Each structure stands twice: as C-alpha cells, then as structure tokens.
Amino acid sequence: GNSEEKLEIKKLSNGQVYVQGASVVKVSDANQLVSLFYDA
C-alpha cells in the first residue's frame, strides 16, 4: 500500500480496463491466490 509509482487507468482496444503500473502476480493454485489476497 505504499507504492510511489504513478498508477494510471488504461483501456485496451477490446474495452477491457487495467491499471498501468500496478503489480501483476502470477499464481499457480487457489491457496497461493488466497494468501496473496489476504496479504493485500
């Protein structure tokens, strides 16, 4: 929650919205995702 990087809202050509500069973490199973979620 302390990122100093500027985060900007962007939209792809298909209309999908994403936040440029936000962390993107690959997850391989549900337990890893749940742990990541609780930490966040």
All heavy atoms as atom14 arrays in JSON, in Angstrom:
{
  "sequence": "GNSEEKLEIKKLSNGQVYVQGASVVKVSDANQLVSLFYDA",
  "atom14_mask": [
    [1, 1, 1, 1, 0, 0, 0, 0, 0, 0, 0, 0, 0, 0],
    [1, 1, 1, 1, 1, 1, 1, 1, 0, 0, 0, 0, 0, 0],
    [1, 1, 1, 1, 1, 1, 0, 0, 0, 0, 0, 0, 0, 0],
    [1, 1, 1, 1, 1, 1, 1, 1, 1, 0, 0, 0, 0, 0],
    [1, 1, 1, 1, 1, 1, 1, 1, 1, 0, 0, 0, 0, 0],
    [1, 1, 1, 1, 1, 1, 1, 1, 1, 0, 0, 0, 0, 0],
    [1, 1, 1, 1, 1, 1, 1, 1, 0, 0, 0, 0, 0, 0],
    [1, 1, 1, 1, 1, 1, 1, 1, 1, 0, 0, 0, 0, 0],
    [1, 1, 1, 1, 1, 1, 1, 1, 0, 0, 0, 0, 0, 0],
    [1, 1, 1, 1, 1, 1, 1, 1, 1, 0, 0, 0, 0, 0],
    [1, 1, 1, 1, 1, 1, 1, 1, 1, 0, 0, 0, 0, 0],
    [1, 1, 1, 1, 1, 1, 1, 1, 0, 0, 0, 0, 0, 0],
    [1, 1, 1, 1, 1, 1, 0, 0, 0, 0, 0, 0, 0, 0],
    [1, 1, 1, 1, 1, 1, 1, 1, 0, 0, 0, 0, 0, 0],
    [1, 1, 1, 1, 0, 0, 0, 0, 0, 0, 0, 0, 0, 0],
    [1, 1, 1, 1, 1, 1, 1, 1, 1, 0, 0, 0, 0, 0],
    [1, 1, 1, 1, 1, 1, 1, 0, 0, 0, 0, 0, 0, 0],
    [1, 1, 1, 1, 1, 1, 1, 1, 1, 1, 1, 1, 0, 0],
    [1, 1, 1, 1, 1, 1, 1, 0, 0, 0, 0, 0, 0, 0],
    [1, 1, 1, 1, 1, 1, 1, 1, 1, 0, 0, 0, 0, 0],
    [1, 1, 1, 1, 0, 0, 0, 0, 0, 0, 0, 0, 0, 0],
    [1, 1, 1, 1, 1, 0, 0, 0, 0, 0, 0, 0, 0, 0],
    [1, 1, 1, 1, 1, 1, 0, 0, 0, 0, 0, 0, 0, 0],
    [1, 1, 1, 1, 1, 1, 1, 0, 0, 0, 0, 0, 0, 0],
    [1, 1, 1, 1, 1, 1, 1, 0, 0, 0, 0, 0, 0, 0],
    [1, 1, 1, 1, 1, 1, 1, 1, 1, 0, 0, 0, 0, 0],
    [1, 1, 1, 1, 1, 1, 1, 0, 0, 0, 0, 0, 0, 0],
    [1, 1, 1, 1, 1, 1, 0, 0, 0, 0, 0, 0, 0, 0],
    [1, 1, 1, 1, 1, 1, 1, 1, 0, 0, 0, 0, 0, 0],
    [1, 1, 1, 1, 1, 0, 0, 0, 0, 0, 0, 0, 0, 0],
    [1, 1, 1, 1, 1, 1, 1, 1, 0, 0, 0, 0, 0, 0],
    [1, 1, 1, 1, 1, 1, 1, 1, 1, 0, 0, 0, 0, 0],
    [1, 1, 1, 1, 1, 1, 1, 1, 0, 0, 0, 0, 0, 0],
    [1, 1, 1, 1, 1, 1, 1, 0, 0, 0, 0, 0, 0, 0],
    [1, 1, 1, 1, 1, 1, 0, 0, 0, 0, 0, 0, 0, 0],
    [1, 1, 1, 1, 1, 1, 1, 1, 0, 0, 0, 0, 0, 0],
    [1, 1, 1, 1, 1, 1, 1, 1, 1, 1, 1, 0, 0, 0],
    [1, 1, 1, 1, 1, 1, 1, 1, 1, 1, 1, 1, 0, 0],
    [1, 1, 1, 1, 1, 1, 1, 1, 0, 0, 0, 0, 0, 0],
    [1, 1, 1, 1, 1, 0, 0, 0, 0, 0, 0, 0, 0, 0]
  ],
  "atom14_positions": [
    [[0.79, -1.22, 0.0], [0.0, 0.0, 0.0], [0.82, 1.27, 0.0], [0.31, 2.35, 0.26], [0.0, 0.0, 0.0], [0.0, 0.0, 0.0], [0.0, 0.0, 0.0], [0.0, 0.0, 0.0], [0.0, 0.0, 0.0], [0.0, 0.0, 0.0], [0.0, 0.0, 0.0], [0.0, 0.0, 0.0], [0.0, 0.0, 0.0], [0.0, 0.0, 0.0]],
    [[2.12, 1.16, -0.29], [3.0, 2.33, -0.23], [3.71, 2.61, -1.55], [4.77, 3.2, -1.57], [4.05, 2.12, 0.88], [3.43, 2.06, 2.25], [2.56, 2.87, 2.57], [3.86, 1.11, 3.06], [0.0, 0.0, 0.0], [0.0, 0.0, 0.0], [0.0, 0.0, 0.0], [0.0, 0.0, 0.0], [0.0, 0.0, 0.0], [0.0, 0.0, 0.0]],
    [[3.12, 2.16, -2.63], [3.76, 2.36, -3.93], [3.81, 3.84, -4.29], [2.82, 4.56, -4.21], [3.0, 1.6, -5.03], [3.54, 1.91, -6.28], [0.0, 0.0, 0.0], [0.0, 0.0, 0.0], [0.0, 0.0, 0.0], [0.0, 0.0, 0.0], [0.0, 0.0, 0.0], [0.0, 0.0, 0.0], [0.0, 0.0, 0.0], [0.0, 0.0, 0.0]],
    [[5.0, 4.31, -4.66], [5.15, 5.69, -5.1], [5.03, 5.8, -6.61], [5.04, 6.9, -7.16], [6.5, 6.24, -4.63], [6.65, 6.31, -3.11], [7.99, 6.88, -2.7], [8.81, 7.15, -3.6], [8.22, 7.04, -1.49], [0.0, 0.0, 0.0], [0.0, 0.0, 0.0], [0.0, 0.0, 0.0], [0.0, 0.0, 0.0], [0.0, 0.0, 0.0]],
    [[4.92, 4.65, -7.26], [4.8, 4.65, -8.71], [3.43, 5.15, -9.12], [2.41, 4.76, -8.53], [5.03, 3.24, -9.25], [5.08, 3.15, -10.77], [5.42, 1.75, -11.25], [5.58, 0.86, -10.39], [5.54, 1.56, -12.46], [0.0, 0.0, 0.0], [0.0, 0.0, 0.0], [0.0, 0.0, 0.0], [0.0, 0.0, 0.0], [0.0, 0.0, 0.0]],
    [[3.37, 6.0, -10.12], [2.11, 6.55, -10.58], [1.31, 5.47, -11.29], [1.79, 4.8, -12.19], [2.35, 7.74, -11.53], [1.07, 8.43, -11.96], [1.35, 9.63, -12.85], [0.07, 10.32, -13.26], [0.34, 11.5, -14.15], [0.0, 0.0, 0.0], [0.0, 0.0, 0.0], [0.0, 0.0, 0.0], [0.0, 0.0, 0.0], [0.0, 0.0, 0.0]],
    [[0.07, 5.29, -10.86], [-0.81, 4.29, -11.44], [-1.87, 4.97, -12.3], [-2.53, 5.89, -11.83], [-1.48, 3.46, -10.34], [-0.53, 2.76, -9.36], [-1.32, 2.01, -8.29], [0.39, 1.8, -10.09], [0.0, 0.0, 0.0], [0.0, 0.0, 0.0], [0.0, 0.0, 0.0], [0.0, 0.0, 0.0], [0.0, 0.0, 0.0], [0.0, 0.0, 0.0]],
    [[-2.0, 4.53, -13.52], [-2.95, 5.15, -14.44], [-3.94, 4.12, -14.97], [-3.59, 2.96, -15.23], [-2.2, 5.79, -15.62], [-1.29, 6.94, -15.22], [-0.66, 7.61, -16.42], [-0.89, 7.14, -17.56], [0.07, 8.59, -16.23], [0.0, 0.0, 0.0], [0.0, 0.0, 0.0], [0.0, 0.0, 0.0], [0.0, 0.0, 0.0], [0.0, 0.0, 0.0]],
    [[-5.18, 4.57, -15.13], [-6.23, 3.7, -15.66], [-6.17, 3.72, -17.18], [-6.21, 4.78, -17.8], [-7.61, 4.17, -15.17], [-7.65, 4.2, -13.64], [-8.71, 3.26, -15.72], [-8.88, 4.87, -13.07], [0.0, 0.0, 0.0], [0.0, 0.0, 0.0], [0.0, 0.0, 0.0], [0.0, 0.0, 0.0], [0.0, 0.0, 0.0], [0.0, 0.0, 0.0]],
    [[-6.07, 2.54, -17.78], [-5.99, 2.42, -19.23], [-7.08, 1.46, -19.72], [-7.64, 0.68, -18.95], [-4.62, 1.9, -19.66], [-3.44, 2.78, -19.25], [-3.43, 4.08, -20.05], [-2.19, 4.9, -19.72], [-2.13, 6.16, -20.53], [0.0, 0.0, 0.0], [0.0, 0.0, 0.0], [0.0, 0.0, 0.0], [0.0, 0.0, 0.0], [0.0, 0.0, 0.0]],
    [[-7.35, 1.51, -21.01], [-8.35, 0.63, -21.6], [-7.81, 0.04, -22.89], [-7.28, 0.75, -23.75], [-9.65, 1.39, -21.87], [-10.81, 0.49, -22.29], [-12.14, 1.22, -22.25], [-12.24, 2.29, -23.32], [-13.61, 2.83, -23.44], [0.0, 0.0, 0.0], [0.0, 0.0, 0.0], [0.0, 0.0, 0.0], [0.0, 0.0, 0.0], [0.0, 0.0, 0.0]],
    [[-7.93, -1.28, -23.03], [-7.49, -1.97, -24.24], [-8.49, -1.76, -25.37], [-9.61, -1.28, -25.15], [-7.34, -3.47, -23.95], [-6.31, -3.85, -22.89], [-6.38, -5.35, -22.6], [-4.91, -3.46, -23.32], [0.0, 0.0, 0.0], [0.0, 0.0, 0.0], [0.0, 0.0, 0.0], [0.0, 0.0, 0.0], [0.0, 0.0, 0.0], [0.0, 0.0, 0.0]],
    [[-8.1, -2.14, -26.57], [-8.97, -1.96, -27.74], [-10.27, -2.75, -27.62], [-11.28, -2.38, -28.19], [-8.23, -2.38, -29.01], [-7.8, -3.73, -28.92], [0.0, 0.0, 0.0], [0.0, 0.0, 0.0], [0.0, 0.0, 0.0], [0.0, 0.0, 0.0], [0.0, 0.0, 0.0], [0.0, 0.0, 0.0], [0.0, 0.0, 0.0], [0.0, 0.0, 0.0]],
    [[-10.24, -3.84, -26.84], [-11.46, -4.64, -26.65], [-12.35, -4.11, -25.52], [-13.36, -4.72, -25.17], [-11.11, -6.11, -26.38], [-10.26, -6.29, -25.12], [-10.2, -5.44, -24.26], [-9.58, -7.43, -25.04], [0.0, 0.0, 0.0], [0.0, 0.0, 0.0], [0.0, 0.0, 0.0], [0.0, 0.0, 0.0], [0.0, 0.0, 0.0], [0.0, 0.0, 0.0]],
    [[-11.96, -2.95, -24.95], [-12.76, -2.33, -23.9], [-12.37, -2.72, -22.5], [-12.89, -2.16, -21.52], [0.0, 0.0, 0.0], [0.0, 0.0, 0.0], [0.0, 0.0, 0.0], [0.0, 0.0, 0.0], [0.0, 0.0, 0.0], [0.0, 0.0, 0.0], [0.0, 0.0, 0.0], [0.0, 0.0, 0.0], [0.0, 0.0, 0.0], [0.0, 0.0, 0.0]],
    [[-11.46, -3.67, -22.33], [-11.05, -4.14, -21.01], [-10.19, -3.09, -20.31], [-9.27, -2.53, -20.9], [-10.29, -5.45, -21.13], [-10.1, -6.17, -19.8], [-9.46, -7.52, -19.98], [-8.24, -7.66, -19.95], [-10.28, -8.54, -20.22], [0.0, 0.0, 0.0], [0.0, 0.0, 0.0], [0.0, 0.0, 0.0], [0.0, 0.0, 0.0], [0.0, 0.0, 0.0]],
    [[-10.5, -2.83, -19.06], [-9.81, -1.81, -18.27], [-8.69, -2.46, -17.43], [-8.85, -3.56, -16.92], [-10.8, -1.09, -17.33], [-10.08, -0.14, -16.39], [-11.85, -0.34, -18.16], [0.0, 0.0, 0.0], [0.0, 0.0, 0.0], [0.0, 0.0, 0.0], [0.0, 0.0, 0.0], [0.0, 0.0, 0.0], [0.0, 0.0, 0.0], [0.0, 0.0, 0.0]],
    [[-7.57, -1.78, -17.34], [-6.49, -2.25, -16.47], [-5.78, -1.03, -15.87], [-5.96, 0.1, -16.33], [-5.5, -3.13, -17.22], [-4.63, -2.41, -18.24], [-3.32, -2.05, -17.94], [-5.13, -2.06, -19.49], [-2.52, -1.39, -18.85], [-4.34, -1.4, -20.41], [-3.04, -1.06, -20.09], [-2.25, -0.39, -21.0], [0.0, 0.0, 0.0], [0.0, 0.0, 0.0]],
    [[-4.98, -1.26, -14.83], [-4.25, -0.19, -14.16], [-2.78, -0.32, -14.51], [-2.11, -1.27, -14.1], [-4.45, -0.23, -12.64], [-3.6, 0.85, -11.96], [-5.92, -0.05, -12.29], [0.0, 0.0, 0.0], [0.0, 0.0, 0.0], [0.0, 0.0, 0.0], [0.0, 0.0, 0.0], [0.0, 0.0, 0.0], [0.0, 0.0, 0.0], [0.0, 0.0, 0.0]],
    [[-2.3, 0.62, -15.32], [-0.9, 0.6, -15.73], [0.0, 0.95, -14.55], [-0.2, 1.95, -13.87], [-0.69, 1.61, -16.87], [0.68, 1.57, -17.5], [0.8, 2.54, -18.65], [0.66, 3.75, -18.48], [1.03, 2.01, -19.85], [0.0, 0.0, 0.0], [0.0, 0.0, 0.0], [0.0, 0.0, 0.0], [0.0, 0.0, 0.0], [0.0, 0.0, 0.0]],
    [[1.0, 0.12, -14.32], [1.92, 0.35, -13.2], [1.6, -0.5, -11.98], [2.42, -0.59, -11.06], [0.0, 0.0, 0.0], [0.0, 0.0, 0.0], [0.0, 0.0, 0.0], [0.0, 0.0, 0.0], [0.0, 0.0, 0.0], [0.0, 0.0, 0.0], [0.0, 0.0, 0.0], [0.0, 0.0, 0.0], [0.0, 0.0, 0.0], [0.0, 0.0, 0.0]],
    [[0.41, -1.13, -11.95], [0.05, -1.97, -10.82], [0.77, -3.31, -10.9], [1.08, -3.8, -11.99], [-1.46, -2.2, -10.78], [0.0, 0.0, 0.0], [0.0, 0.0, 0.0], [0.0, 0.0, 0.0], [0.0, 0.0, 0.0], [0.0, 0.0, 0.0], [0.0, 0.0, 0.0], [0.0, 0.0, 0.0], [0.0, 0.0, 0.0], [0.0, 0.0, 0.0]],
    [[1.02, -3.91, -9.76], [1.68, -5.22, -9.72], [0.78, -6.27, -10.36], [-0.44, -6.26, -10.17], [1.97, -5.62, -8.28], [2.79, -4.67, -7.64], [0.0, 0.0, 0.0], [0.0, 0.0, 0.0], [0.0, 0.0, 0.0], [0.0, 0.0, 0.0], [0.0, 0.0, 0.0], [0.0, 0.0, 0.0], [0.0, 0.0, 0.0], [0.0, 0.0, 0.0]],
    [[1.4, -7.16, -11.12], [0.69, -8.31, -11.7], [1.43, -9.56, -11.24], [2.58, -9.77, -11.62], [0.64, -8.23, -13.24], [-0.1, -9.45, -13.8], [-0.03, -6.94, -13.7], [0.0, 0.0, 0.0], [0.0, 0.0, 0.0], [0.0, 0.0, 0.0], [0.0, 0.0, 0.0], [0.0, 0.0, 0.0], [0.0, 0.0, 0.0], [0.0, 0.0, 0.0]],
    [[0.77, -10.37, -10.43], [1.42, -11.54, -9.83], [0.81, -12.82, -10.39], [-0.41, -13.01, -10.33], [1.29, -11.54, -8.29], [1.94, -12.78, -7.69], [1.91, -10.27, -7.72], [0.0, 0.0, 0.0], [0.0, 0.0, 0.0], [0.0, 0.0, 0.0], [0.0, 0.0, 0.0], [0.0, 0.0, 0.0], [0.0, 0.0, 0.0], [0.0, 0.0, 0.0]],
    [[1.65, -13.69, -10.95], [1.15, -14.97, -11.46], [0.93, -15.92, -10.28], [1.74, -15.99, -9.35], [2.14, -15.58, -12.45], [2.14, -14.89, -13.8], [2.95, -15.68, -14.82], [2.83, -15.07, -16.21], [3.55, -15.87, -17.24], [0.0, 0.0, 0.0], [0.0, 0.0, 0.0], [0.0, 0.0, 0.0], [0.0, 0.0, 0.0], [0.0, 0.0, 0.0]],
    [[-0.18, -16.66, -10.33], [-0.5, -17.61, -9.28], [-0.76, -18.98, -9.92], [-1.33, -19.06, -11.0], [-1.72, -17.16, -8.46], [-1.37, -15.98, -7.58], [-2.9, -16.8, -9.35], [0.0, 0.0, 0.0], [0.0, 0.0, 0.0], [0.0, 0.0, 0.0], [0.0, 0.0, 0.0], [0.0, 0.0, 0.0], [0.0, 0.0, 0.0], [0.0, 0.0, 0.0]],
    [[-0.36, -20.03, -9.21], [-0.46, -21.38, -9.78], [-1.54, -22.22, -9.13], [-1.9, -23.28, -9.66], [0.89, -22.09, -9.66], [1.3, -22.13, -8.3], [0.0, 0.0, 0.0], [0.0, 0.0, 0.0], [0.0, 0.0, 0.0], [0.0, 0.0, 0.0], [0.0, 0.0, 0.0], [0.0, 0.0, 0.0], [0.0, 0.0, 0.0], [0.0, 0.0, 0.0]],
    [[-2.06, -21.79, -7.98], [-3.13, -22.55, -7.34], [-3.95, -21.63, -6.45], [-3.58, -20.48, -6.2], [-2.59, -23.73, -6.54], [-1.59, -23.33, -5.47], [-1.9, -22.42, -4.67], [-0.48, -23.91, -5.43], [0.0, 0.0, 0.0], [0.0, 0.0, 0.0], [0.0, 0.0, 0.0], [0.0, 0.0, 0.0], [0.0, 0.0, 0.0], [0.0, 0.0, 0.0]],
    [[-5.07, -22.14, -5.95], [-6.0, -21.32, -5.17], [-5.4, -20.88, -3.85], [-5.61, -19.74, -3.41], [-7.29, -22.11, -4.94], [0.0, 0.0, 0.0], [0.0, 0.0, 0.0], [0.0, 0.0, 0.0], [0.0, 0.0, 0.0], [0.0, 0.0, 0.0], [0.0, 0.0, 0.0], [0.0, 0.0, 0.0], [0.0, 0.0, 0.0], [0.0, 0.0, 0.0]],
    [[-4.64, -21.75, -3.19], [-4.05, -21.39, -1.89], [-3.11, -20.2, -2.03], [-3.08, -19.31, -1.17], [-3.32, -22.59, -1.3], [-4.27, -23.68, -0.83], [-5.41, -23.4, -0.46], [-3.81, -24.91, -0.85], [0.0, 0.0, 0.0], [0.0, 0.0, 0.0], [0.0, 0.0, 0.0], [0.0, 0.0, 0.0], [0.0, 0.0, 0.0], [0.0, 0.0, 0.0]],
    [[-2.33, -20.19, -3.1], [-1.41, -19.08, -3.34], [-2.18, -17.79, -3.58], [-1.82, -16.72, -3.07], [-0.52, -19.38, -4.54], [0.54, -18.31, -4.8], [1.35, -18.6, -6.05], [1.12, -19.6, -6.74], [2.32, -17.74, -6.35], [0.0, 0.0, 0.0], [0.0, 0.0, 0.0], [0.0, 0.0, 0.0], [0.0, 0.0, 0.0], [0.0, 0.0, 0.0]],
    [[-3.28, -17.89, -4.32], [-4.1, -16.72, -4.6], [-4.78, -16.2, -3.34], [-4.82, -14.98, -3.1], [-5.15, -17.06, -5.66], [-6.14, -15.95, -6.05], [-5.4, -14.71, -6.53], [-7.11, -16.45, -7.11], [0.0, 0.0, 0.0], [0.0, 0.0, 0.0], [0.0, 0.0, 0.0], [0.0, 0.0, 0.0], [0.0, 0.0, 0.0], [0.0, 0.0, 0.0]],
    [[-5.3, -17.1, -2.53], [-5.96, -16.69, -1.27], [-4.97, -16.01, -0.34], [-5.28, -14.99, 0.29], [-6.61, -17.91, -0.59], [-7.08, -17.55, 0.83], [-7.79, -18.41, -1.41], [0.0, 0.0, 0.0], [0.0, 0.0, 0.0], [0.0, 0.0, 0.0], [0.0, 0.0, 0.0], [0.0, 0.0, 0.0], [0.0, 0.0, 0.0], [0.0, 0.0, 0.0]],
    [[-3.77, -16.56, -0.24], [-2.74, -15.95, 0.61], [-2.38, -14.55, 0.11], [-2.24, -13.61, 0.91], [-1.49, -16.85, 0.61], [-0.46, -16.26, 1.38], [0.0, 0.0, 0.0], [0.0, 0.0, 0.0], [0.0, 0.0, 0.0], [0.0, 0.0, 0.0], [0.0, 0.0, 0.0], [0.0, 0.0, 0.0], [0.0, 0.0, 0.0], [0.0, 0.0, 0.0]],
    [[-2.25, -14.42, -1.2], [-1.95, -13.11, -1.8], [-3.07, -12.12, -1.49], [-2.82, -10.96, -1.15], [-1.8, -13.28, -3.32], [-1.36, -12.06, -4.11], [0.13, -11.8, -3.9], [-1.64, -12.27, -5.6], [0.0, 0.0, 0.0], [0.0, 0.0, 0.0], [0.0, 0.0, 0.0], [0.0, 0.0, 0.0], [0.0, 0.0, 0.0], [0.0, 0.0, 0.0]],
    [[-4.3, -12.59, -1.6], [-5.47, -11.75, -1.36], [-5.52, -11.26, 0.09], [-5.75, -10.08, 0.35], [-6.72, -12.55, -1.72], [-8.01, -11.82, -1.47], [-8.37, -10.74, -2.26], [-8.87, -12.22, -0.47], [-9.57, -10.06, -2.05], [-10.06, -11.56, -0.25], [-10.41, -10.47, -1.04], [0.0, 0.0, 0.0], [0.0, 0.0, 0.0], [0.0, 0.0, 0.0]],
    [[-5.31, -12.17, 1.03], [-5.35, -11.77, 2.45], [-4.24, -10.77, 2.78], [-4.44, -9.82, 3.55], [-5.24, -13.0, 3.35], [-6.54, -13.74, 3.55], [-6.61, -15.13, 3.46], [-7.71, -13.06, 3.85], [-7.8, -15.81, 3.64], [-8.91, -13.73, 4.05], [-8.95, -15.1, 3.94], [-10.14, -15.77, 4.12], [0.0, 0.0, 0.0], [0.0, 0.0, 0.0]],
    [[-3.06, -10.99, 2.21], [-1.95, -10.05, 2.43], [-2.33, -8.66, 1.92], [-2.03, -7.65, 2.56], [-0.68, -10.53, 1.72], [-0.05, -11.73, 2.42], [-0.39, -11.99, 3.59], [0.79, -12.41, 1.79], [0.0, 0.0, 0.0], [0.0, 0.0, 0.0], [0.0, 0.0, 0.0], [0.0, 0.0, 0.0], [0.0, 0.0, 0.0], [0.0, 0.0, 0.0]],
    [[-2.96, -8.62, 0.75], [-3.38, -7.34, 0.18], [-4.43, -6.67, 1.05], [-4.37, -5.46, 1.3], [-3.9, -7.56, -1.23], [0.0, 0.0, 0.0], [0.0, 0.0, 0.0], [0.0, 0.0, 0.0], [0.0, 0.0, 0.0], [0.0, 0.0, 0.0], [0.0, 0.0, 0.0], [0.0, 0.0, 0.0], [0.0, 0.0, 0.0], [0.0, 0.0, 0.0]]
  ]
}
